[in-house]
Amino acid sequence: IQLLKAFNASNQSGKYYSAGYVPLEMAQHPMAAPSVFNFFLPTYAPPGEIFEAGLVAPEFQIVNSAAATDYINIMYGMLLSDYYMDVTTGVSTVIPGSPDYDNPLSYPENIVQIDVADEVALAEDVPQMIDRLDILLTGGTMTQPSKDAIIETVEQFSFEPSIAAKLAILMVMIAPDYVIQK
């Protein structure tokens, strides 16, 4: 959702668009807790270094390797294929009460787009672009090592500003600085 808000997502038709398959893939639905208890055990420690150090990390009770990989794949698919959201204008005849998603090829005016013009304009100055994305997406909390790694990768694509901008957004959104709230 932050991706859509940060980059002013819209479509030409003005029709409602929804998260579509994303909550299912992420196993995190709005208003649908994964547990009947609606909280994470305060003593949860994932296997590995955290557990071995005697530490706890309750937030990782919902995050597993499948969900983490799905998140990266979803962000990659959205940003590099320009497919951000599904538009629904009807009710499914197959699953009562569920939305029926419009085929974007049949209704191109419903295709959701994001505005990355500011980032494209900064493609020749990748460090400045990353500083902007740091403020926009992580509230200015990105570490210098993360910035350096992203800059090194994105600079290789500066010859194609649109791809460089979307790659930069992708890399910020999958970086630990973005994914893990402090």
N, C-alpha and C. Protein backbone atom coordinates (compact mmCIF):
# COMPACT_ATOMS: atom_id res chain seq x y z
N ILE A 1 0.83 -1.18 0.00
CA ILE A 1 0.00 0.00 0.00
C ILE A 1 0.88 1.25 0.00
N GLN A 2 1.97 1.24 0.76
CA GLN A 2 2.83 2.42 0.79
C GLN A 2 3.38 2.74 -0.59
N LEU A 3 3.71 1.72 -1.37
CA LEU A 3 4.19 1.93 -2.74
C LEU A 3 3.17 2.74 -3.52
N LEU A 4 1.91 2.37 -3.42
CA LEU A 4 0.86 3.05 -4.17
C LEU A 4 0.66 4.48 -3.71
N LYS A 5 0.72 4.70 -2.41
CA LYS A 5 0.54 6.05 -1.88
C LYS A 5 1.75 6.93 -2.19
N ALA A 6 2.94 6.39 -2.00
CA ALA A 6 4.15 7.18 -2.19
C ALA A 6 4.33 7.65 -3.63
N PHE A 7 3.80 6.87 -4.57
CA PHE A 7 4.00 7.21 -5.97
C PHE A 7 2.68 7.49 -6.69
N ASN A 8 1.69 7.97 -5.92
CA ASN A 8 0.42 8.46 -6.47
C ASN A 8 -0.22 7.53 -7.48
N ALA A 9 -0.46 6.31 -7.08
CA ALA A 9 -1.08 5.33 -7.98
C ALA A 9 -2.45 5.81 -8.44
N SER A 10 -2.74 5.57 -9.70
CA SER A 10 -4.04 5.95 -10.26
C SER A 10 -4.28 5.17 -11.54
N ASN A 11 -5.50 5.23 -12.01
CA ASN A 11 -5.82 4.67 -13.32
C ASN A 11 -6.70 5.67 -14.06
N GLN A 12 -6.79 5.53 -15.38
CA GLN A 12 -7.55 6.49 -16.19
C GLN A 12 -9.04 6.42 -15.91
N SER A 13 -9.55 5.25 -15.61
CA SER A 13 -11.00 5.10 -15.43
C SER A 13 -11.48 5.62 -14.08
N GLY A 14 -10.58 5.72 -13.11
CA GLY A 14 -10.98 6.14 -11.78
C GLY A 14 -11.74 5.06 -11.02
N LYS A 15 -11.77 3.86 -11.56
CA LYS A 15 -12.48 2.76 -10.89
C LYS A 15 -11.66 2.23 -9.73
N TYR A 16 -12.37 1.64 -8.80
CA TYR A 16 -11.77 1.08 -7.59
C TYR A 16 -10.73 0.02 -7.95
N TYR A 17 -9.61 0.07 -7.29
CA TYR A 17 -8.63 -1.00 -7.44
C TYR A 17 -8.31 -1.57 -6.07
N SER A 18 -7.99 -2.83 -6.06
CA SER A 18 -7.80 -3.52 -4.78
C SER A 18 -6.44 -4.20 -4.74
N ALA A 19 -6.13 -4.74 -3.59
CA ALA A 19 -4.85 -5.42 -3.41
C ALA A 19 -4.79 -6.74 -4.17
N GLY A 20 -5.92 -7.21 -4.66
CA GLY A 20 -5.93 -8.42 -5.46
C GLY A 20 -5.31 -9.60 -4.73
N TYR A 21 -4.35 -10.22 -5.36
CA TYR A 21 -3.74 -11.44 -4.83
C TYR A 21 -2.67 -11.18 -3.77
N VAL A 22 -2.26 -9.94 -3.59
CA VAL A 22 -1.13 -9.64 -2.71
C VAL A 22 -1.35 -10.12 -1.27
N PRO A 23 -2.49 -9.83 -0.64
CA PRO A 23 -2.66 -10.33 0.74
C PRO A 23 -2.57 -11.85 0.84
N LEU A 24 -3.09 -12.55 -0.16
CA LEU A 24 -3.02 -14.01 -0.15
C LEU A 24 -1.57 -14.47 -0.23
N GLU A 25 -0.81 -13.88 -1.15
CA GLU A 25 0.59 -14.26 -1.31
C GLU A 25 1.42 -13.93 -0.07
N MET A 26 1.09 -12.84 0.59
CA MET A 26 1.87 -12.41 1.75
C MET A 26 1.38 -13.03 3.05
N ALA A 27 0.23 -13.70 3.01
CA ALA A 27 -0.38 -14.28 4.21
C ALA A 27 -0.64 -13.22 5.26
N GLN A 28 -0.96 -12.00 4.81
CA GLN A 28 -1.27 -10.90 5.71
C GLN A 28 -2.44 -10.12 5.12
N HIS A 29 -3.63 -10.44 5.57
CA HIS A 29 -4.83 -9.77 5.08
C HIS A 29 -5.23 -8.65 6.03
N PRO A 30 -5.64 -7.50 5.51
CA PRO A 30 -6.17 -6.46 6.40
C PRO A 30 -7.40 -6.99 7.13
N MET A 31 -7.48 -6.74 8.40
CA MET A 31 -8.61 -7.14 9.23
C MET A 31 -8.77 -8.66 9.28
N ALA A 32 -7.73 -9.40 9.05
CA ALA A 32 -7.81 -10.87 9.10
C ALA A 32 -6.53 -11.41 9.72
N ALA A 33 -6.48 -11.41 11.01
CA ALA A 33 -5.29 -11.86 11.73
C ALA A 33 -4.99 -13.32 11.41
N PRO A 34 -3.71 -13.69 11.32
CA PRO A 34 -3.35 -15.07 11.03
C PRO A 34 -3.57 -16.01 12.22
N SER A 35 -3.89 -15.44 13.35
CA SER A 35 -4.08 -16.23 14.56
C SER A 35 -5.36 -15.78 15.25
N VAL A 36 -6.06 -16.70 15.88
CA VAL A 36 -7.26 -16.31 16.61
C VAL A 36 -6.91 -15.42 17.80
N PHE A 37 -5.66 -15.42 18.21
CA PHE A 37 -5.25 -14.61 19.35
C PHE A 37 -4.89 -13.18 18.93
N ASN A 38 -4.68 -12.96 17.63
CA ASN A 38 -4.43 -11.63 17.08
C ASN A 38 -3.20 -10.96 17.69
N PHE A 39 -2.24 -11.74 18.12
CA PHE A 39 -0.98 -11.19 18.59
C PHE A 39 0.11 -12.25 18.43
N PHE A 40 1.32 -11.82 18.60
CA PHE A 40 2.43 -12.75 18.49
C PHE A 40 2.96 -13.02 19.89
N LEU A 41 3.38 -14.24 20.10
CA LEU A 41 3.91 -14.59 21.42
C LEU A 41 5.15 -13.76 21.73
N PRO A 42 5.19 -13.10 22.87
CA PRO A 42 6.34 -12.25 23.19
C PRO A 42 7.63 -13.03 23.39
N THR A 43 7.53 -14.33 23.53
CA THR A 43 8.73 -15.15 23.75
C THR A 43 9.21 -15.85 22.48
N TYR A 44 8.58 -15.56 21.34
CA TYR A 44 8.95 -16.26 20.11
C TYR A 44 10.36 -15.87 19.66
N ALA A 45 11.14 -16.88 19.29
CA ALA A 45 12.48 -16.67 18.73
C ALA A 45 12.62 -17.59 17.52
N PRO A 46 12.90 -17.02 16.35
CA PRO A 46 13.06 -17.88 15.18
C PRO A 46 14.32 -18.73 15.31
N PRO A 47 14.34 -19.88 14.67
CA PRO A 47 15.54 -20.72 14.72
C PRO A 47 16.74 -19.98 14.15
N GLY A 48 17.90 -20.29 14.65
CA GLY A 48 19.12 -19.69 14.12
C GLY A 48 19.79 -18.79 15.14
N GLU A 49 20.43 -17.74 14.64
CA GLU A 49 21.25 -16.88 15.49
C GLU A 49 20.47 -16.21 16.61
N ILE A 50 19.25 -15.77 16.31
CA ILE A 50 18.46 -15.10 17.35
C ILE A 50 18.17 -16.06 18.50
N PHE A 51 17.72 -17.25 18.16
CA PHE A 51 17.41 -18.26 19.18
C PHE A 51 18.67 -18.64 19.95
N GLU A 52 19.76 -18.88 19.23
CA GLU A 52 21.01 -19.29 19.86
C GLU A 52 21.58 -18.23 20.79
N ALA A 53 21.29 -16.96 20.50
CA ALA A 53 21.78 -15.88 21.35
C ALA A 53 20.86 -15.62 22.54
N GLY A 54 19.76 -16.39 22.63
CA GLY A 54 18.84 -16.21 23.74
C GLY A 54 17.96 -14.98 23.59
N LEU A 55 17.82 -14.48 22.37
CA LEU A 55 17.01 -13.30 22.11
C LEU A 55 15.62 -13.71 21.63
N VAL A 56 14.71 -12.75 21.59
CA VAL A 56 13.37 -13.00 21.06
C VAL A 56 13.10 -12.02 19.93
N ALA A 57 12.20 -12.41 19.04
CA ALA A 57 11.80 -11.57 17.91
C ALA A 57 10.37 -11.93 17.51
N PRO A 58 9.38 -11.49 18.30
CA PRO A 58 8.00 -11.90 18.06
C PRO A 58 7.49 -11.57 16.66
N GLU A 59 7.99 -10.48 16.08
CA GLU A 59 7.51 -10.09 14.75
C GLU A 59 7.82 -11.12 13.68
N PHE A 60 8.79 -11.99 13.95
CA PHE A 60 9.14 -13.00 12.96
C PHE A 60 8.26 -14.25 13.05
N GLN A 61 7.28 -14.23 13.94
CA GLN A 61 6.37 -15.37 14.02
C GLN A 61 5.50 -15.45 12.77
N ILE A 62 5.21 -14.31 12.15
CA ILE A 62 4.41 -14.32 10.92
C ILE A 62 5.29 -14.39 9.67
N VAL A 63 6.53 -13.96 9.78
CA VAL A 63 7.42 -13.94 8.62
C VAL A 63 8.18 -15.26 8.55
N ASN A 64 8.10 -15.88 7.40
CA ASN A 64 8.89 -17.09 7.18
C ASN A 64 9.58 -16.96 5.83
N SER A 65 10.37 -17.93 5.48
CA SER A 65 11.13 -17.81 4.24
C SER A 65 10.22 -17.74 3.02
N ALA A 66 9.09 -18.42 3.05
CA ALA A 66 8.17 -18.38 1.90
C ALA A 66 7.56 -16.99 1.76
N ALA A 67 7.10 -16.41 2.86
CA ALA A 67 6.49 -15.08 2.80
C ALA A 67 7.52 -14.03 2.39
N ALA A 68 8.74 -14.15 2.90
CA ALA A 68 9.79 -13.19 2.54
C ALA A 68 10.12 -13.27 1.06
N THR A 69 10.21 -14.48 0.54
CA THR A 69 10.50 -14.66 -0.89
C THR A 69 9.33 -14.17 -1.73
N ASP A 70 8.11 -14.47 -1.30
CA ASP A 70 6.93 -13.99 -2.02
C ASP A 70 6.91 -12.47 -2.09
N TYR A 71 7.25 -11.81 -0.99
CA TYR A 71 7.27 -10.34 -0.97
C TYR A 71 8.24 -9.80 -2.02
N ILE A 72 9.43 -10.35 -2.08
CA ILE A 72 10.42 -9.89 -3.06
C ILE A 72 9.89 -10.12 -4.47
N ASN A 73 9.32 -11.29 -4.72
CA ASN A 73 8.79 -11.59 -6.05
C ASN A 73 7.62 -10.69 -6.42
N ILE A 74 6.76 -10.38 -5.46
CA ILE A 74 5.63 -9.49 -5.73
C ILE A 74 6.13 -8.10 -6.08
N MET A 75 7.06 -7.57 -5.30
CA MET A 75 7.59 -6.24 -5.57
C MET A 75 8.29 -6.20 -6.93
N TYR A 76 9.05 -7.24 -7.23
CA TYR A 76 9.73 -7.33 -8.53
C TYR A 76 8.69 -7.33 -9.66
N GLY A 77 7.68 -8.16 -9.51
CA GLY A 77 6.65 -8.24 -10.53
C GLY A 77 5.92 -6.93 -10.73
N MET A 78 5.59 -6.28 -9.63
CA MET A 78 4.88 -5.00 -9.74
C MET A 78 5.73 -3.95 -10.44
N LEU A 79 6.92 -3.76 -9.93
CA LEU A 79 7.74 -2.64 -10.42
C LEU A 79 8.31 -2.87 -11.81
N LEU A 80 8.68 -4.08 -12.14
CA LEU A 80 9.32 -4.28 -13.43
C LEU A 80 8.37 -4.80 -14.51
N SER A 81 7.11 -5.05 -14.14
CA SER A 81 6.13 -5.41 -15.18
C SER A 81 4.99 -4.40 -15.23
N ASP A 82 5.04 -3.38 -14.37
CA ASP A 82 3.99 -2.35 -14.31
C ASP A 82 2.61 -2.93 -14.06
N TYR A 83 2.53 -3.94 -13.22
CA TYR A 83 1.22 -4.51 -12.85
C TYR A 83 1.07 -4.36 -11.35
N TYR A 84 0.40 -3.28 -10.93
CA TYR A 84 0.38 -2.92 -9.52
C TYR A 84 -0.83 -3.43 -8.75
N MET A 85 -1.98 -3.33 -9.33
CA MET A 85 -3.19 -3.70 -8.61
C MET A 85 -4.22 -4.27 -9.57
N ASP A 86 -5.15 -5.01 -9.02
CA ASP A 86 -6.28 -5.51 -9.79
C ASP A 86 -7.43 -4.53 -9.65
N VAL A 87 -8.21 -4.39 -10.71
CA VAL A 87 -9.41 -3.56 -10.66
C VAL A 87 -10.60 -4.49 -10.63
N THR A 88 -11.52 -4.18 -9.76
CA THR A 88 -12.72 -5.00 -9.65
C THR A 88 -13.95 -4.13 -9.87
N THR A 89 -14.79 -4.55 -10.79
CA THR A 89 -16.03 -3.80 -11.05
C THR A 89 -17.25 -4.70 -10.93
N GLY A 90 -17.04 -5.92 -10.52
CA GLY A 90 -18.17 -6.83 -10.40
C GLY A 90 -17.98 -7.82 -9.28
N VAL A 91 -18.96 -8.70 -9.16
CA VAL A 91 -18.92 -9.75 -8.14
C VAL A 91 -18.73 -11.09 -8.84
N SER A 92 -17.89 -11.91 -8.27
CA SER A 92 -17.59 -13.21 -8.84
C SER A 92 -18.83 -14.09 -8.91
N THR A 93 -18.98 -14.77 -10.04
CA THR A 93 -20.06 -15.74 -10.17
C THR A 93 -19.60 -17.11 -9.67
N VAL A 94 -18.31 -17.25 -9.47
CA VAL A 94 -17.74 -18.52 -9.01
C VAL A 94 -17.72 -18.59 -7.48
N ILE A 95 -17.27 -17.50 -6.85
CA ILE A 95 -17.18 -17.45 -5.39
C ILE A 95 -18.09 -16.32 -4.90
N PRO A 96 -19.29 -16.64 -4.44
CA PRO A 96 -20.23 -15.60 -4.00
C PRO A 96 -19.62 -14.67 -2.96
N GLY A 97 -19.85 -13.38 -3.16
CA GLY A 97 -19.34 -12.39 -2.24
C GLY A 97 -17.91 -11.95 -2.49
N SER A 98 -17.24 -12.59 -3.44
CA SER A 98 -15.86 -12.22 -3.77
C SER A 98 -15.85 -11.30 -4.99
N PRO A 99 -14.84 -10.47 -5.09
CA PRO A 99 -14.76 -9.59 -6.26
C PRO A 99 -14.40 -10.35 -7.53
N ASP A 100 -14.82 -9.81 -8.64
CA ASP A 100 -14.45 -10.36 -9.94
C ASP A 100 -13.49 -9.36 -10.57
N TYR A 101 -12.26 -9.75 -10.77
CA TYR A 101 -11.24 -8.83 -11.27
C TYR A 101 -11.33 -8.67 -12.78
N ASP A 102 -11.26 -7.42 -13.23
CA ASP A 102 -11.31 -7.12 -14.66
C ASP A 102 -10.02 -7.55 -15.32
N ASN A 103 -10.13 -8.04 -16.53
CA ASN A 103 -8.95 -8.38 -17.33
C ASN A 103 -8.33 -7.08 -17.83
N PRO A 104 -7.09 -6.78 -17.42
CA PRO A 104 -6.49 -5.51 -17.83
C PRO A 104 -6.31 -5.37 -19.33
N LEU A 105 -6.21 -6.49 -20.05
CA LEU A 105 -6.08 -6.40 -21.50
C LEU A 105 -7.38 -5.97 -22.14
N SER A 106 -8.50 -6.30 -21.53
CA SER A 106 -9.81 -5.91 -22.05
C SER A 106 -10.18 -4.49 -21.64
N TYR A 107 -9.64 -4.03 -20.53
CA TYR A 107 -9.97 -2.71 -20.01
C TYR A 107 -8.69 -1.94 -19.69
N PRO A 108 -7.97 -1.49 -20.70
CA PRO A 108 -6.68 -0.82 -20.43
C PRO A 108 -6.82 0.45 -19.60
N GLU A 109 -7.99 1.08 -19.63
CA GLU A 109 -8.19 2.29 -18.83
C GLU A 109 -8.20 2.00 -17.33
N ASN A 110 -8.33 0.74 -16.96
CA ASN A 110 -8.33 0.35 -15.55
C ASN A 110 -6.93 0.03 -15.02
N ILE A 111 -5.95 -0.02 -15.89
CA ILE A 111 -4.59 -0.39 -15.46
C ILE A 111 -4.04 0.68 -14.51
N VAL A 112 -3.61 0.25 -13.36
CA VAL A 112 -3.08 1.16 -12.35
C VAL A 112 -1.61 1.45 -12.66
N GLN A 113 -1.26 2.72 -12.61
CA GLN A 113 0.11 3.17 -12.85
C GLN A 113 0.61 3.95 -11.64
N ILE A 114 1.92 3.99 -11.47
CA ILE A 114 2.51 4.84 -10.44
C ILE A 114 3.31 5.93 -11.15
N ASP A 115 3.53 7.03 -10.45
CA ASP A 115 4.26 8.17 -11.01
C ASP A 115 5.68 8.17 -10.46
N VAL A 116 6.64 7.82 -11.31
CA VAL A 116 8.05 7.80 -10.89
C VAL A 116 8.85 8.88 -11.61
N ALA A 117 8.15 9.93 -12.07
CA ALA A 117 8.82 10.99 -12.83
C ALA A 117 9.94 11.66 -12.04
N ASP A 118 9.73 11.88 -10.75
CA ASP A 118 10.78 12.52 -9.93
C ASP A 118 12.02 11.63 -9.85
N GLU A 119 11.81 10.33 -9.73
CA GLU A 119 12.93 9.39 -9.65
C GLU A 119 13.63 9.27 -11.00
N VAL A 120 12.87 9.24 -12.08
CA VAL A 120 13.46 9.18 -13.42
C VAL A 120 14.33 10.41 -13.65
N ALA A 121 13.87 11.56 -13.19
CA ALA A 121 14.64 12.79 -13.36
C ALA A 121 15.97 12.75 -12.60
N LEU A 122 16.04 11.91 -11.57
CA LEU A 122 17.27 11.80 -10.77
C LEU A 122 18.14 10.62 -11.20
N ALA A 123 17.81 9.96 -12.29
CA ALA A 123 18.54 8.75 -12.70
C ALA A 123 20.02 9.01 -12.96
N GLU A 124 20.38 10.22 -13.33
CA GLU A 124 21.79 10.52 -13.57
C GLU A 124 22.54 10.81 -12.28
N ASP A 125 21.81 11.01 -11.19
CA ASP A 125 22.41 11.25 -9.88
C ASP A 125 21.83 10.22 -8.91
N VAL A 126 22.28 8.99 -9.04
CA VAL A 126 21.71 7.88 -8.27
C VAL A 126 21.80 8.11 -6.76
N PRO A 127 22.92 8.61 -6.21
CA PRO A 127 22.93 8.85 -4.76
C PRO A 127 21.81 9.80 -4.31
N GLN A 128 21.53 10.82 -5.11
CA GLN A 128 20.45 11.75 -4.76
C GLN A 128 19.09 11.04 -4.85
N MET A 129 18.93 10.18 -5.86
CA MET A 129 17.69 9.42 -5.99
C MET A 129 17.48 8.54 -4.76
N ILE A 130 18.54 7.87 -4.33
CA ILE A 130 18.44 6.98 -3.17
C ILE A 130 18.16 7.79 -1.91
N ASP A 131 18.74 8.96 -1.78
CA ASP A 131 18.43 9.82 -0.63
C ASP A 131 16.95 10.20 -0.62
N ARG A 132 16.40 10.49 -1.79
CA ARG A 132 14.97 10.82 -1.90
C ARG A 132 14.12 9.61 -1.49
N LEU A 133 14.46 8.44 -2.02
CA LEU A 133 13.70 7.23 -1.68
C LEU A 133 13.84 6.87 -0.21
N ASP A 134 15.01 7.15 0.36
CA ASP A 134 15.22 6.91 1.79
C ASP A 134 14.22 7.72 2.60
N ILE A 135 14.06 8.98 2.26
CA ILE A 135 13.11 9.84 2.98
C ILE A 135 11.68 9.38 2.72
N LEU A 136 11.37 9.12 1.48
CA LEU A 136 10.01 8.77 1.07
C LEU A 136 9.55 7.42 1.63
N LEU A 137 10.43 6.43 1.62
CA LEU A 137 10.03 5.07 1.97
C LEU A 137 10.48 4.58 3.34
N THR A 138 11.61 5.07 3.84
CA THR A 138 12.08 4.58 5.15
C THR A 138 12.12 5.68 6.21
N GLY A 139 11.64 6.85 5.87
CA GLY A 139 11.65 7.94 6.84
C GLY A 139 13.05 8.39 7.20
N GLY A 140 14.00 8.19 6.29
CA GLY A 140 15.37 8.63 6.52
C GLY A 140 16.18 7.71 7.41
N THR A 141 15.76 6.45 7.54
CA THR A 141 16.45 5.52 8.45
C THR A 141 17.38 4.53 7.74
N MET A 142 17.53 4.65 6.44
CA MET A 142 18.36 3.69 5.71
C MET A 142 19.83 3.84 6.10
N THR A 143 20.48 2.73 6.33
CA THR A 143 21.90 2.76 6.70
C THR A 143 22.77 3.02 5.47
N GLN A 144 23.95 3.55 5.70
CA GLN A 144 24.86 3.84 4.59
C GLN A 144 25.27 2.58 3.84
N PRO A 145 25.55 1.45 4.51
CA PRO A 145 25.88 0.24 3.75
C PRO A 145 24.75 -0.19 2.80
N SER A 146 23.51 -0.05 3.24
CA SER A 146 22.38 -0.38 2.35
C SER A 146 22.34 0.58 1.17
N LYS A 147 22.49 1.87 1.45
CA LYS A 147 22.50 2.87 0.37
C LYS A 147 23.61 2.56 -0.63
N ASP A 148 24.80 2.27 -0.12
CA ASP A 148 25.94 2.00 -1.00
C ASP A 148 25.68 0.80 -1.91
N ALA A 149 25.11 -0.26 -1.36
CA ALA A 149 24.83 -1.45 -2.17
C ALA A 149 23.79 -1.15 -3.25
N ILE A 150 22.78 -0.38 -2.89
CA ILE A 150 21.74 -0.03 -3.86
C ILE A 150 22.31 0.88 -4.94
N ILE A 151 23.07 1.87 -4.54
CA ILE A 151 23.67 2.80 -5.50
C ILE A 151 24.55 2.05 -6.49
N GLU A 152 25.39 1.15 -5.98
CA GLU A 152 26.29 0.39 -6.85
C GLU A 152 25.52 -0.39 -7.91
N THR A 153 24.41 -0.98 -7.53
CA THR A 153 23.60 -1.76 -8.48
C THR A 153 22.86 -0.85 -9.46
N VAL A 154 22.19 0.17 -8.94
CA VAL A 154 21.35 1.03 -9.78
C VAL A 154 22.18 1.82 -10.78
N GLU A 155 23.39 2.23 -10.39
CA GLU A 155 24.23 3.00 -11.32
C GLU A 155 24.53 2.22 -12.60
N GLN A 156 24.49 0.91 -12.54
CA GLN A 156 24.73 0.10 -13.73
C GLN A 156 23.58 0.21 -14.74
N PHE A 157 22.45 0.76 -14.32
CA PHE A 157 21.28 0.88 -15.19
C PHE A 157 20.92 2.34 -15.47
N SER A 158 21.82 3.27 -15.15
CA SER A 158 21.50 4.69 -15.32
C SER A 158 21.30 5.08 -16.78
N PHE A 159 21.74 4.23 -17.71
CA PHE A 159 21.52 4.50 -19.14
C PHE A 159 20.04 4.39 -19.51
N GLU A 160 19.24 3.73 -18.68
CA GLU A 160 17.80 3.59 -18.90
C GLU A 160 17.08 4.13 -17.66
N PRO A 161 16.79 5.44 -17.63
CA PRO A 161 16.28 6.09 -16.42
C PRO A 161 15.04 5.44 -15.81
N SER A 162 14.10 4.99 -16.62
CA SER A 162 12.88 4.39 -16.08
C SER A 162 13.19 3.09 -15.33
N ILE A 163 14.05 2.27 -15.91
CA ILE A 163 14.42 1.00 -15.25
C ILE A 163 15.25 1.30 -14.01
N ALA A 164 16.16 2.26 -14.09
CA ALA A 164 16.97 2.62 -12.92
C ALA A 164 16.08 3.07 -11.77
N ALA A 165 15.07 3.89 -12.06
CA ALA A 165 14.17 4.39 -11.02
C ALA A 165 13.40 3.25 -10.37
N LYS A 166 12.84 2.38 -11.19
CA LYS A 166 12.04 1.27 -10.64
C LYS A 166 12.92 0.26 -9.91
N LEU A 167 14.12 0.03 -10.41
CA LEU A 167 15.06 -0.86 -9.72
C LEU A 167 15.44 -0.28 -8.36
N ALA A 168 15.66 1.04 -8.32
CA ALA A 168 15.99 1.69 -7.05
C ALA A 168 14.85 1.54 -6.05
N ILE A 169 13.63 1.75 -6.51
CA ILE A 169 12.47 1.60 -5.62
C ILE A 169 12.39 0.16 -5.12
N LEU A 170 12.55 -0.79 -6.04
CA LEU A 170 12.52 -2.21 -5.67
C LEU A 170 13.57 -2.51 -4.61
N MET A 171 14.79 -2.07 -4.84
CA MET A 171 15.87 -2.41 -3.91
C MET A 171 15.67 -1.77 -2.54
N VAL A 172 15.12 -0.56 -2.51
CA VAL A 172 14.82 0.06 -1.21
C VAL A 172 13.72 -0.73 -0.52
N MET A 173 12.69 -1.13 -1.27
CA MET A 173 11.54 -1.80 -0.66
C MET A 173 11.82 -3.24 -0.23
N ILE A 174 12.91 -3.83 -0.71
CA ILE A 174 13.26 -5.17 -0.23
C ILE A 174 14.45 -5.14 0.73
N ALA A 175 15.00 -3.97 0.96
CA ALA A 175 16.12 -3.83 1.89
C ALA A 175 15.62 -4.01 3.33
N PRO A 176 16.45 -4.58 4.20
CA PRO A 176 16.05 -4.71 5.61
C PRO A 176 15.65 -3.38 6.23
N ASP A 177 16.26 -2.28 5.77
CA ASP A 177 15.95 -0.96 6.31
C ASP A 177 14.48 -0.59 6.08
N TYR A 178 13.88 -1.12 5.02
CA TYR A 178 12.47 -0.86 4.73
C TYR A 178 11.58 -1.94 5.35
N VAL A 179 11.96 -3.17 5.17
CA VAL A 179 11.12 -4.30 5.56
C VAL A 179 10.97 -4.41 7.07
N ILE A 180 12.01 -4.11 7.82
CA ILE A 180 11.97 -4.23 9.28
C ILE A 180 11.77 -2.85 9.88
N GLN A 181 10.61 -2.66 10.50
CA GLN A 181 10.33 -1.39 11.15
C GLN A 181 11.05 -1.33 12.48
N LYS A 182 11.62 -0.18 12.75
CA LYS A 182 12.36 -0.02 14.01
C LYS A 182 11.55 0.78 15.00
